Each structure stands twice: as C-alpha cells, then as structure tokens.
Amino acid sequence: MIYLNENHTKLDAVIFDLGNVLLDYNPKRFMLEMGIAPEHTDRLLQIFPQSEEWQQLDMGVISDDEFLASALRKEPSLRREIIRYHKHWYDYFKAIPENAAAFYQIKEAGAKTYILSNFQKTCFRVMQEHNIFLDEFDGRVISFECGMRKPQREIYKLIISRYQLNPARTVFIDDMDVNINAARAAGLQTILLPIGGKILDYLTISSD
C-alpha cells in the first residue's frame, strides 16, 4: 500500500508528469553541454520551451518541420544554433535514475500508474526507445495525442474519466505550480516536486 506523507491518504493511483519528475529536463544546460555559446541561450529559450509554436508542437497542431521553419524565421542569425539544438536535444533528455526506480517500487506496491505530460510526438517516441519503463504504465494522457496541454482543466478531467480514477485517492506529481494548482482544482491529491526532488520523500510504501 502507498500513502501520501502530507496527509496520510491511502493512494490507489499515481499520475506522473515526465519532465523533471521522471526525466531530467533542463534546456539551458542542454544548450551549454552541446557547445552553444552562453550569450545565445536566452534568445533560444524564447524559441524552444517558451514560444507559442512550442506549445502548438506539444499539442500536435504543427509538425517538427513547421516548428523549425518558424524558429528560423524568428531568429535567422541563430540558424546554426537552432538547427543544432532542434536536432540533438533529445540526446540530453535522460531518465532520473532514483525516480525511475521509485516508479517501479510504486507499481510493485500495487498502485496503478499513469503519465500526464505535455510532450511532442517525436520526442516522446525517442524517449520510449531510450527508456523502457515508459511503456510499463497502466495508461497515459499526452498532450500531442489529445490536443490539450496542462494546465487546461479538460486534460485532468480526461485522465480521471478515461481510467475511472478516484481523485481523492490519486496523487499527481509535477514540477510546476500552475499544473499542480489545476490538478488540485480537479480534486486530485498533489506533490509539487522541486528540481532534483526524490519522489519517495513524499510517499510511504507499506507492506501492511
């Protein structure tokens, strides 16, 4: 059995975000590690994680090629850096070992496990190839597959209804306040996981 430490609620299910929960996501660090000059990173961050086109890519509204063309129009002087990051950033997006291990412990303890994440189609397929545990969940709602993104309240309603979850006994783990607040509004238990946080610091797994 699994309990939420904050209020000792017994949990039937755990819903995981991916970035900074199960996968280490730090675009600025990725850029620096792939050799992009520090003076370019702020401008690139405005294109990749923060632009409207990035959100459209998350929702499957535009393709990778359309996103890249838009990015190059916005910052033509950074053409080399944009192409490099767009081509290689998946290689730096890796599992967080302790939290991936926690997923297995949670699953073995009998809780149902689900993914709820904003993710792009190509990147998700690459992550599946690199991380076998992503295919071992009981279900998922991914933004590119449903055409919605967190923190839209409809996406929380979708995962609750699709898998017949009891929100009061389901915890959602995410690294962003805005997504946690929306989950709470949907009636879910929540864990706001800080960068570098360990999932099992917030849960108790009991053999009782």
Protein backbone atom coordinates (compact mmCIF):
# COMPACT_ATOMS: atom_id res chain seq x y z
CA MET A 1 0.00 0.00 0.00
CA ILE A 2 1.05 3.58 -0.64
CA TYR A 3 0.34 6.63 1.47
CA LEU A 4 0.84 10.33 0.83
CA ASN A 5 3.06 11.63 3.63
CA GLU A 6 1.43 15.07 3.73
CA ASN A 7 -1.99 13.87 4.86
CA HIS A 8 -1.63 10.06 5.20
CA THR A 9 -4.12 9.46 2.38
CA LYS A 10 -4.07 5.90 1.08
CA LEU A 11 -3.46 6.00 -2.67
CA ASP A 12 -4.89 3.79 -5.39
CA ALA A 13 -3.07 5.51 -8.26
CA VAL A 14 -0.12 7.77 -9.03
CA ILE A 15 -0.04 10.11 -12.05
CA PHE A 16 3.43 11.24 -13.16
CA ASP A 17 4.48 14.23 -15.18
CA LEU A 18 7.65 13.39 -17.13
CA GLY A 19 9.93 16.46 -17.33
CA ASN A 20 11.81 16.94 -14.03
CA VAL A 21 9.81 14.14 -12.43
CA LEU A 22 10.99 11.04 -14.29
CA LEU A 23 13.16 12.68 -16.97
CA ASP A 24 15.79 15.37 -16.36
CA TYR A 25 14.73 18.41 -18.41
CA ASN A 26 16.97 21.50 -18.42
CA PRO A 27 17.08 23.21 -21.84
CA LYS A 28 19.66 25.83 -20.84
CA ARG A 29 22.02 23.14 -19.59
CA PHE A 30 21.41 21.07 -22.73
CA MET A 31 22.40 24.04 -24.86
CA LEU A 32 25.61 24.64 -22.95
CA GLU A 33 26.53 20.95 -22.95
CA MET A 34 26.15 20.76 -26.72
CA GLY A 35 28.51 23.71 -27.15
CA ILE A 36 26.10 26.58 -27.83
CA ALA A 37 27.62 29.86 -26.65
CA PRO A 38 26.13 31.21 -23.38
CA GLU A 39 25.30 34.56 -24.97
CA HIS A 40 22.78 32.82 -27.24
CA THR A 41 20.90 30.74 -24.68
CA ASP A 42 18.37 33.35 -23.53
CA ARG A 43 17.23 34.01 -27.10
CA LEU A 44 16.99 30.31 -27.82
CA LEU A 45 14.96 29.71 -24.67
CA GLN A 46 12.40 32.17 -26.02
CA ILE A 47 12.00 29.91 -29.04
CA PHE A 48 12.17 26.39 -27.68
CA PRO A 49 10.43 25.97 -24.32
CA GLN A 50 8.55 29.26 -24.24
CA SER A 51 7.13 30.11 -27.66
CA GLU A 52 3.54 29.69 -28.83
CA GLU A 53 4.81 27.42 -31.60
CA TRP A 54 6.42 25.14 -29.00
CA GLN A 55 3.02 24.81 -27.30
CA GLN A 56 1.43 24.03 -30.66
CA LEU A 57 4.04 21.34 -31.21
CA ASP A 58 3.17 19.93 -27.79
CA MET A 59 -0.47 19.66 -28.84
CA GLY A 60 0.29 18.10 -32.21
CA VAL A 61 -1.08 21.13 -34.06
CA ILE A 62 2.10 21.70 -36.09
CA SER A 63 4.89 19.38 -37.24
CA ASP A 64 8.57 19.42 -36.29
CA ASP A 65 9.41 20.85 -39.70
CA GLU A 66 6.85 23.64 -39.31
CA PHE A 67 8.21 24.48 -35.88
CA LEU A 68 11.78 24.61 -37.18
CA ALA A 69 10.81 26.84 -40.10
CA SER A 70 9.07 29.23 -37.71
CA ALA A 71 12.07 29.30 -35.37
CA LEU A 72 14.45 30.10 -38.23
CA ARG A 73 12.22 32.96 -39.38
CA LYS A 74 12.24 34.44 -35.88
CA GLU A 75 16.00 34.26 -35.32
CA PRO A 76 17.78 33.88 -38.68
CA SER A 77 21.08 34.97 -37.15
CA LEU A 78 20.98 31.90 -34.88
CA ARG A 79 20.32 29.43 -37.69
CA ARG A 80 23.24 27.15 -36.80
CA GLU A 81 22.37 27.06 -33.10
CA ILE A 82 18.65 26.48 -33.73
CA ILE A 83 19.30 23.57 -36.07
CA ARG A 84 21.84 22.04 -33.67
CA TYR A 85 19.53 22.21 -30.68
CA HIS A 86 16.48 21.04 -32.61
CA LYS A 87 18.40 18.02 -33.92
CA HIS A 88 20.24 16.94 -30.78
CA TRP A 89 18.36 17.99 -27.62
CA TYR A 90 16.70 14.58 -27.27
CA ASP A 91 20.15 13.09 -26.64
CA TYR A 92 20.48 15.12 -23.42
CA PHE A 93 16.99 14.34 -22.08
CA LYS A 94 17.60 11.35 -19.81
CA ALA A 95 15.87 9.44 -17.03
CA ILE A 96 16.30 10.42 -13.39
CA PRO A 97 17.52 7.06 -12.02
CA GLU A 98 16.18 7.39 -8.46
CA ASN A 99 12.72 8.44 -9.63
CA ALA A 100 12.55 5.79 -12.35
CA ALA A 101 13.36 3.24 -9.63
CA ALA A 102 10.63 4.80 -7.46
CA PHE A 103 8.14 4.23 -10.29
CA TYR A 104 8.87 0.50 -10.17
CA GLN A 105 8.53 0.42 -6.37
CA ILE A 106 5.17 2.18 -6.59
CA LYS A 107 3.98 -0.21 -9.27
CA GLU A 108 5.15 -3.25 -7.30
CA ALA A 109 3.28 -1.96 -4.24
CA GLY A 110 0.03 -2.32 -6.18
CA ALA A 111 -0.81 1.25 -7.20
CA LYS A 112 -1.95 1.99 -10.73
CA THR A 113 0.47 4.26 -12.59
CA TYR A 114 -0.24 6.83 -15.30
CA ILE A 115 1.52 9.54 -17.30
CA LEU A 116 0.05 13.04 -17.72
CA SER A 117 2.51 15.23 -19.60
CA ASN A 118 2.98 17.94 -22.18
CA PHE A 119 5.10 16.21 -24.80
CA GLN A 120 5.83 16.34 -28.50
CA LYS A 121 5.35 13.30 -30.71
CA THR A 122 8.91 12.90 -31.98
CA CYS A 123 10.48 13.48 -28.59
CA PHE A 124 8.13 11.05 -26.88
CA ARG A 125 8.93 8.33 -29.41
CA VAL A 126 12.66 8.87 -28.80
CA MET A 127 12.15 8.75 -25.03
CA GLN A 128 10.24 5.47 -25.38
CA GLU A 129 13.17 3.99 -27.30
CA HIS A 130 15.65 5.12 -24.64
CA ASN A 131 13.56 4.39 -21.52
CA ILE A 132 11.74 1.06 -21.44
CA PHE A 133 9.79 1.99 -18.30
CA LEU A 134 7.69 4.49 -20.28
CA ASP A 135 5.81 1.55 -21.80
CA GLU A 136 5.08 -0.03 -18.42
CA PHE A 137 2.43 2.40 -17.17
CA ASP A 138 -1.23 1.46 -16.87
CA GLY A 139 -2.22 4.35 -19.10
CA ARG A 140 -1.30 7.82 -20.29
CA VAL A 141 -2.62 11.15 -21.48
CA ILE A 142 -0.01 13.00 -23.56
CA SER A 143 -0.64 16.47 -24.99
CA PHE A 144 0.22 15.63 -28.61
CA GLU A 145 -2.19 12.68 -28.54
CA CYS A 146 -5.19 14.55 -27.13
CA GLY A 147 -4.71 18.10 -28.46
CA MET A 148 -4.68 19.64 -24.97
CA ARG A 149 -1.97 20.81 -22.59
CA LYS A 150 -1.58 21.21 -18.88
CA PRO A 151 -2.79 23.30 -17.13
CA GLN A 152 -6.02 23.18 -19.18
CA ARG A 153 -8.57 21.69 -16.80
CA GLU A 154 -10.01 19.45 -19.51
CA ILE A 155 -6.83 17.38 -19.64
CA TYR A 156 -7.18 16.49 -15.95
CA LYS A 157 -10.83 15.58 -16.46
CA LEU A 158 -9.79 13.39 -19.37
CA ILE A 159 -7.34 11.25 -17.42
CA ILE A 160 -9.74 10.90 -14.49
CA SER A 161 -12.63 9.81 -16.71
CA ARG A 162 -10.62 7.65 -19.11
CA TYR A 163 -9.21 5.49 -16.32
CA GLN A 164 -12.10 5.75 -13.86
CA LEU A 165 -9.88 7.27 -11.17
CA ASN A 166 -10.97 8.33 -7.70
CA PRO A 167 -9.32 11.78 -7.50
CA ALA A 168 -9.29 11.77 -3.69
CA ARG A 169 -7.12 8.65 -3.75
CA THR A 170 -4.97 9.58 -6.73
CA VAL A 171 -1.84 11.74 -6.50
CA PHE A 172 -0.45 13.81 -9.36
CA ILE A 173 3.29 14.61 -9.33
CA ASP A 174 4.56 17.64 -11.27
CA ASP A 175 7.34 20.22 -11.02
CA MET A 176 5.26 23.34 -11.84
CA ASP A 177 2.93 25.26 -9.53
CA VAL A 178 0.46 26.10 -12.30
CA ASN A 179 -0.03 22.44 -13.17
CA ILE A 180 -0.34 21.42 -9.53
CA ASN A 181 -2.96 24.10 -8.89
CA ALA A 182 -5.03 22.88 -11.82
CA ALA A 183 -4.77 19.29 -10.57
CA ARG A 184 -5.97 20.33 -7.12
CA ALA A 185 -8.91 22.12 -8.72
CA ALA A 186 -9.78 18.80 -10.38
CA GLY A 187 -9.84 17.15 -6.95
CA LEU A 188 -6.55 15.28 -7.20
CA GLN A 189 -4.02 14.88 -4.42
CA THR A 190 -0.74 16.50 -5.45
CA ILE A 191 3.02 16.56 -4.98
CA LEU A 192 4.94 19.62 -6.17
CA LEU A 193 8.34 18.08 -6.81
CA PRO A 194 11.28 20.52 -6.67
CA ILE A 195 14.09 20.24 -9.19
CA GLY A 196 16.22 17.34 -8.02
CA GLY A 197 13.48 16.13 -5.67
CA LYS A 198 13.04 12.45 -4.83
CA ILE A 199 9.53 11.05 -5.24
CA LEU A 200 9.84 8.64 -2.33
CA ASP A 201 10.50 11.52 0.07
CA TYR A 202 6.78 12.31 -0.33
CA LEU A 203 5.29 8.81 -0.20
CA THR A 204 5.30 5.90 2.21
CA ILE A 205 5.24 2.37 0.84
CA SER A 206 3.90 -0.11 3.37
CA SER A 207 3.65 -3.90 3.30
CA ASP A 208 0.59 -3.82 5.62
